[in-house]
Amino acid sequence: MKGHFPGFPVVPGVILCEILAQSACILIPKIDSEGQIPMYTGLDKVRFKSPVYPGDEFVTRCRLTRSKHPFYFGEGEGYVEGRLCVKAAFSFGITEKSVCFQKS
């Protein structure tokens, strides 16, 4: 990855949020990976504290904070060398893959 800005490579914030979300999704219990998929329903309280550069080892710490099936809520932080780089709260809805991938 070359980075987000020419001459100043940073990992785009949207990619960092996606990494956090995917890290949190593995915590959702009992998803039928063949027939169900977690979909973002919200992203809130995102704070970027420090840039992440291509090649950095990005470590996530995520947790589910509450659930009311089919909705799950979580929060997470991303770190590079122990330095907080991003934190966010997010929510997901579990839906059937067949519903998500229908052609209109």
N, C-alpha and C. Protein backbone atom coordinates (compact mmCIF):
# COMPACT_ATOMS: atom_id res chain seq x y z
N MET A 1 0.85 -1.17 0.00
CA MET A 1 0.00 0.00 0.00
C MET A 1 0.90 1.23 0.00
N LYS A 2 0.62 2.18 -0.86
CA LYS A 2 1.42 3.39 -0.95
C LYS A 2 1.00 4.45 0.06
N GLY A 3 -0.17 4.36 0.59
CA GLY A 3 -0.65 5.35 1.54
C GLY A 3 -1.68 6.27 0.92
N HIS A 4 -2.22 7.13 1.74
CA HIS A 4 -3.37 7.94 1.37
C HIS A 4 -3.00 9.23 0.62
N PHE A 5 -1.95 9.90 1.03
CA PHE A 5 -1.58 11.18 0.44
C PHE A 5 -0.25 11.06 -0.28
N PRO A 6 -0.14 11.55 -1.51
CA PRO A 6 1.16 11.51 -2.21
C PRO A 6 2.22 12.26 -1.40
N GLY A 7 3.34 11.61 -1.18
CA GLY A 7 4.41 12.24 -0.43
C GLY A 7 4.26 12.14 1.08
N PHE A 8 3.09 11.75 1.57
CA PHE A 8 2.84 11.59 3.00
C PHE A 8 1.93 10.39 3.20
N PRO A 9 2.51 9.19 3.12
CA PRO A 9 1.68 7.98 3.18
C PRO A 9 1.14 7.70 4.57
N VAL A 10 -0.17 7.68 4.69
CA VAL A 10 -0.84 7.23 5.91
C VAL A 10 -1.94 6.26 5.50
N VAL A 11 -2.28 5.37 6.42
CA VAL A 11 -3.39 4.45 6.17
C VAL A 11 -4.68 5.24 6.33
N PRO A 12 -5.58 5.19 5.34
CA PRO A 12 -6.83 5.96 5.43
C PRO A 12 -7.67 5.57 6.64
N GLY A 13 -8.30 6.57 7.24
CA GLY A 13 -9.13 6.35 8.42
C GLY A 13 -10.25 5.34 8.20
N VAL A 14 -10.83 5.34 7.00
CA VAL A 14 -11.90 4.39 6.72
C VAL A 14 -11.39 2.95 6.78
N ILE A 15 -10.14 2.74 6.39
CA ILE A 15 -9.54 1.40 6.47
C ILE A 15 -9.33 1.01 7.92
N LEU A 16 -8.88 1.95 8.74
CA LEU A 16 -8.68 1.67 10.16
C LEU A 16 -10.01 1.30 10.83
N CYS A 17 -11.08 2.01 10.49
CA CYS A 17 -12.41 1.70 11.04
C CYS A 17 -12.87 0.33 10.58
N GLU A 18 -12.60 -0.02 9.33
CA GLU A 18 -12.98 -1.34 8.82
C GLU A 18 -12.22 -2.45 9.56
N ILE A 19 -10.94 -2.22 9.83
CA ILE A 19 -10.16 -3.21 10.58
C ILE A 19 -10.76 -3.41 11.97
N LEU A 20 -11.11 -2.32 12.64
CA LEU A 20 -11.73 -2.43 13.97
C LEU A 20 -13.04 -3.21 13.89
N ALA A 21 -13.86 -2.87 12.91
CA ALA A 21 -15.17 -3.53 12.78
C ALA A 21 -15.02 -5.02 12.52
N GLN A 22 -14.13 -5.38 11.61
CA GLN A 22 -13.95 -6.80 11.32
C GLN A 22 -13.38 -7.54 12.53
N SER A 23 -12.52 -6.88 13.29
CA SER A 23 -11.99 -7.49 14.51
C SER A 23 -13.11 -7.75 15.51
N ALA A 24 -14.04 -6.81 15.63
CA ALA A 24 -15.16 -6.97 16.56
C ALA A 24 -16.15 -8.03 16.09
N CYS A 25 -16.33 -8.16 14.80
CA CYS A 25 -17.32 -9.11 14.27
C CYS A 25 -17.00 -10.56 14.65
N ILE A 26 -15.73 -10.87 14.82
CA ILE A 26 -15.41 -12.25 15.19
C ILE A 26 -15.87 -12.57 16.61
N LEU A 27 -16.22 -11.54 17.37
CA LEU A 27 -16.71 -11.76 18.74
C LEU A 27 -18.20 -12.07 18.79
N ILE A 28 -18.91 -11.86 17.70
CA ILE A 28 -20.35 -12.10 17.68
C ILE A 28 -20.60 -13.60 17.70
N PRO A 29 -21.37 -14.07 18.68
CA PRO A 29 -21.58 -15.51 18.79
C PRO A 29 -22.55 -16.06 17.75
N LYS A 30 -22.30 -17.30 17.37
CA LYS A 30 -23.24 -18.10 16.58
C LYS A 30 -23.67 -17.48 15.26
N ILE A 31 -22.74 -17.00 14.48
CA ILE A 31 -23.08 -16.56 13.12
C ILE A 31 -22.88 -17.76 12.21
N ASP A 32 -23.89 -18.07 11.44
CA ASP A 32 -23.80 -19.12 10.43
C ASP A 32 -23.03 -18.53 9.25
N SER A 33 -21.73 -18.83 9.17
CA SER A 33 -20.88 -18.18 8.18
C SER A 33 -21.29 -18.49 6.75
N GLU A 34 -22.03 -19.55 6.54
CA GLU A 34 -22.49 -19.87 5.19
C GLU A 34 -23.72 -19.05 4.79
N GLY A 35 -24.58 -18.74 5.76
CA GLY A 35 -25.84 -18.10 5.40
C GLY A 35 -26.06 -16.70 5.97
N GLN A 36 -25.21 -16.28 6.91
CA GLN A 36 -25.42 -14.98 7.55
C GLN A 36 -24.18 -14.11 7.44
N ILE A 37 -24.40 -12.81 7.57
CA ILE A 37 -23.29 -11.86 7.49
C ILE A 37 -23.59 -10.66 8.39
N PRO A 38 -22.59 -10.19 9.15
CA PRO A 38 -22.79 -8.96 9.93
C PRO A 38 -22.60 -7.75 9.02
N MET A 39 -23.50 -6.80 9.11
CA MET A 39 -23.42 -5.58 8.31
C MET A 39 -23.38 -4.39 9.26
N TYR A 40 -22.52 -3.42 8.92
CA TYR A 40 -22.47 -2.18 9.69
C TYR A 40 -23.86 -1.55 9.77
N THR A 41 -24.27 -1.11 10.94
CA THR A 41 -25.48 -0.30 11.05
C THR A 41 -25.16 1.06 11.64
N GLY A 42 -23.96 1.21 12.21
CA GLY A 42 -23.58 2.51 12.74
C GLY A 42 -22.12 2.58 13.11
N LEU A 43 -21.60 3.77 13.01
CA LEU A 43 -20.22 4.07 13.41
C LEU A 43 -20.28 5.41 14.12
N ASP A 44 -19.79 5.45 15.35
CA ASP A 44 -19.98 6.63 16.18
C ASP A 44 -18.72 6.91 17.01
N LYS A 45 -18.59 8.13 17.44
CA LYS A 45 -17.53 8.54 18.36
C LYS A 45 -16.14 8.15 17.86
N VAL A 46 -15.92 8.27 16.56
CA VAL A 46 -14.61 7.94 15.99
C VAL A 46 -13.64 9.07 16.32
N ARG A 47 -12.48 8.69 16.83
CA ARG A 47 -11.44 9.65 17.15
C ARG A 47 -10.11 9.13 16.63
N PHE A 48 -9.46 9.93 15.81
CA PHE A 48 -8.13 9.59 15.31
C PHE A 48 -7.12 10.33 16.16
N LYS A 49 -6.26 9.59 16.82
CA LYS A 49 -5.32 10.16 17.77
C LYS A 49 -3.90 10.30 17.22
N SER A 50 -3.54 9.40 16.32
CA SER A 50 -2.18 9.38 15.80
C SER A 50 -2.20 8.66 14.45
N PRO A 51 -1.40 9.09 13.49
CA PRO A 51 -1.43 8.44 12.18
C PRO A 51 -0.87 7.01 12.21
N VAL A 52 -1.37 6.21 11.28
CA VAL A 52 -0.86 4.87 11.05
C VAL A 52 -0.25 4.88 9.66
N TYR A 53 0.96 4.34 9.55
CA TYR A 53 1.68 4.36 8.28
C TYR A 53 1.72 2.98 7.66
N PRO A 54 1.78 2.90 6.34
CA PRO A 54 1.92 1.60 5.69
C PRO A 54 3.12 0.84 6.27
N GLY A 55 2.88 -0.43 6.60
CA GLY A 55 3.94 -1.24 7.19
C GLY A 55 3.91 -1.31 8.70
N ASP A 56 3.15 -0.42 9.35
CA ASP A 56 3.01 -0.47 10.82
C ASP A 56 2.27 -1.74 11.22
N GLU A 57 2.61 -2.28 12.38
CA GLU A 57 1.84 -3.37 12.95
C GLU A 57 0.70 -2.75 13.74
N PHE A 58 -0.52 -2.93 13.25
CA PHE A 58 -1.72 -2.33 13.82
C PHE A 58 -2.41 -3.38 14.69
N VAL A 59 -2.50 -3.11 15.97
CA VAL A 59 -3.08 -4.05 16.93
C VAL A 59 -4.43 -3.52 17.39
N THR A 60 -5.45 -4.38 17.37
CA THR A 60 -6.79 -3.96 17.79
C THR A 60 -7.16 -4.57 19.14
N ARG A 61 -7.97 -3.82 19.86
CA ARG A 61 -8.60 -4.30 21.10
C ARG A 61 -10.07 -3.94 20.98
N CYS A 62 -10.89 -4.95 20.83
CA CYS A 62 -12.32 -4.73 20.61
C CYS A 62 -13.13 -5.54 21.61
N ARG A 63 -14.34 -5.05 21.87
CA ARG A 63 -15.25 -5.76 22.76
C ARG A 63 -16.69 -5.46 22.37
N LEU A 64 -17.53 -6.43 22.61
CA LEU A 64 -18.96 -6.21 22.44
C LEU A 64 -19.48 -5.59 23.73
N THR A 65 -20.28 -4.54 23.62
CA THR A 65 -20.78 -3.86 24.82
C THR A 65 -22.21 -4.25 25.15
N ARG A 66 -22.98 -4.61 24.13
CA ARG A 66 -24.35 -5.08 24.38
C ARG A 66 -24.90 -5.71 23.11
N SER A 67 -25.99 -6.42 23.28
CA SER A 67 -26.62 -7.05 22.11
C SER A 67 -28.11 -7.20 22.33
N LYS A 68 -28.81 -7.15 21.25
CA LYS A 68 -30.24 -7.46 21.20
C LYS A 68 -30.44 -8.05 19.81
N HIS A 69 -30.25 -9.37 19.75
CA HIS A 69 -30.24 -10.05 18.46
C HIS A 69 -31.40 -9.57 17.59
N PRO A 70 -31.12 -9.21 16.36
CA PRO A 70 -29.92 -9.42 15.56
C PRO A 70 -28.93 -8.26 15.59
N PHE A 71 -29.02 -7.37 16.57
CA PHE A 71 -28.12 -6.23 16.62
C PHE A 71 -27.07 -6.39 17.72
N TYR A 72 -25.85 -5.98 17.39
CA TYR A 72 -24.73 -6.08 18.31
C TYR A 72 -24.00 -4.74 18.32
N PHE A 73 -23.53 -4.36 19.49
CA PHE A 73 -22.87 -3.06 19.67
C PHE A 73 -21.48 -3.29 20.27
N GLY A 74 -20.52 -2.54 19.79
CA GLY A 74 -19.17 -2.73 20.28
C GLY A 74 -18.37 -1.45 20.26
N GLU A 75 -17.17 -1.58 20.76
CA GLU A 75 -16.23 -0.47 20.71
C GLU A 75 -14.84 -1.06 20.58
N GLY A 76 -13.93 -0.24 20.09
CA GLY A 76 -12.58 -0.75 19.92
C GLY A 76 -11.56 0.35 19.79
N GLU A 77 -10.32 -0.05 19.96
CA GLU A 77 -9.19 0.85 19.80
C GLU A 77 -8.17 0.17 18.91
N GLY A 78 -7.38 0.99 18.22
CA GLY A 78 -6.29 0.49 17.41
C GLY A 78 -4.99 1.14 17.86
N TYR A 79 -3.94 0.33 17.97
CA TYR A 79 -2.65 0.80 18.50
C TYR A 79 -1.51 0.44 17.55
N VAL A 80 -0.48 1.26 17.56
CA VAL A 80 0.80 0.96 16.93
C VAL A 80 1.86 1.15 18.00
N GLU A 81 2.60 0.09 18.29
CA GLU A 81 3.65 0.12 19.31
C GLU A 81 3.13 0.69 20.65
N GLY A 82 1.91 0.29 21.03
CA GLY A 82 1.33 0.72 22.29
C GLY A 82 0.73 2.11 22.27
N ARG A 83 0.84 2.81 21.16
CA ARG A 83 0.32 4.18 21.02
C ARG A 83 -1.10 4.13 20.44
N LEU A 84 -2.07 4.72 21.16
CA LEU A 84 -3.45 4.76 20.68
C LEU A 84 -3.52 5.59 19.40
N CYS A 85 -4.06 5.00 18.34
CA CYS A 85 -4.16 5.69 17.06
C CYS A 85 -5.61 6.02 16.68
N VAL A 86 -6.53 5.13 17.03
CA VAL A 86 -7.94 5.35 16.68
C VAL A 86 -8.81 4.63 17.69
N LYS A 87 -9.99 5.21 17.96
CA LYS A 87 -10.98 4.51 18.78
C LYS A 87 -12.35 4.84 18.20
N ALA A 88 -13.30 3.92 18.39
CA ALA A 88 -14.62 4.10 17.81
C ALA A 88 -15.63 3.18 18.49
N ALA A 89 -16.89 3.54 18.36
CA ALA A 89 -18.02 2.69 18.75
C ALA A 89 -18.75 2.33 17.46
N PHE A 90 -19.32 1.13 17.41
CA PHE A 90 -19.97 0.69 16.19
C PHE A 90 -21.09 -0.28 16.50
N SER A 91 -21.94 -0.50 15.52
CA SER A 91 -23.02 -1.47 15.66
C SER A 91 -23.15 -2.26 14.37
N PHE A 92 -23.71 -3.46 14.53
CA PHE A 92 -23.89 -4.38 13.41
C PHE A 92 -25.27 -4.99 13.48
N GLY A 93 -25.77 -5.35 12.34
CA GLY A 93 -26.99 -6.14 12.25
C GLY A 93 -26.66 -7.43 11.52
N ILE A 94 -27.14 -8.54 12.02
CA ILE A 94 -26.91 -9.82 11.37
C ILE A 94 -28.05 -10.03 10.37
N THR A 95 -27.69 -10.30 9.14
CA THR A 95 -28.68 -10.50 8.11
C THR A 95 -28.32 -11.72 7.26
N GLU A 96 -29.28 -12.20 6.52
CA GLU A 96 -29.04 -13.32 5.63
C GLU A 96 -28.30 -12.85 4.40
N LYS A 97 -27.28 -13.59 3.99
CA LYS A 97 -26.51 -13.23 2.80
C LYS A 97 -27.42 -13.13 1.57
N SER A 98 -28.40 -13.99 1.51
CA SER A 98 -29.29 -13.99 0.33
C SER A 98 -30.04 -12.67 0.21
N VAL A 99 -30.33 -12.01 1.33
CA VAL A 99 -31.03 -10.71 1.31
C VAL A 99 -30.07 -9.62 0.84
N CYS A 100 -28.82 -9.69 1.30
CA CYS A 100 -27.83 -8.66 0.97
C CYS A 100 -27.42 -8.68 -0.48
N PHE A 101 -27.42 -9.85 -1.08
CA PHE A 101 -26.84 -9.97 -2.41
C PHE A 101 -27.89 -10.21 -3.49
N GLN A 102 -29.11 -9.79 -3.24
CA GLN A 102 -30.13 -9.87 -4.29
C GLN A 102 -29.93 -8.73 -5.26
N LYS A 103 -30.08 -9.04 -6.53
CA LYS A 103 -29.98 -8.00 -7.55
C LYS A 103 -31.35 -7.36 -7.73
N SER A 104 -31.34 -6.05 -7.86
CA SER A 104 -32.61 -5.32 -8.03
C SER A 104 -33.06 -5.37 -9.46
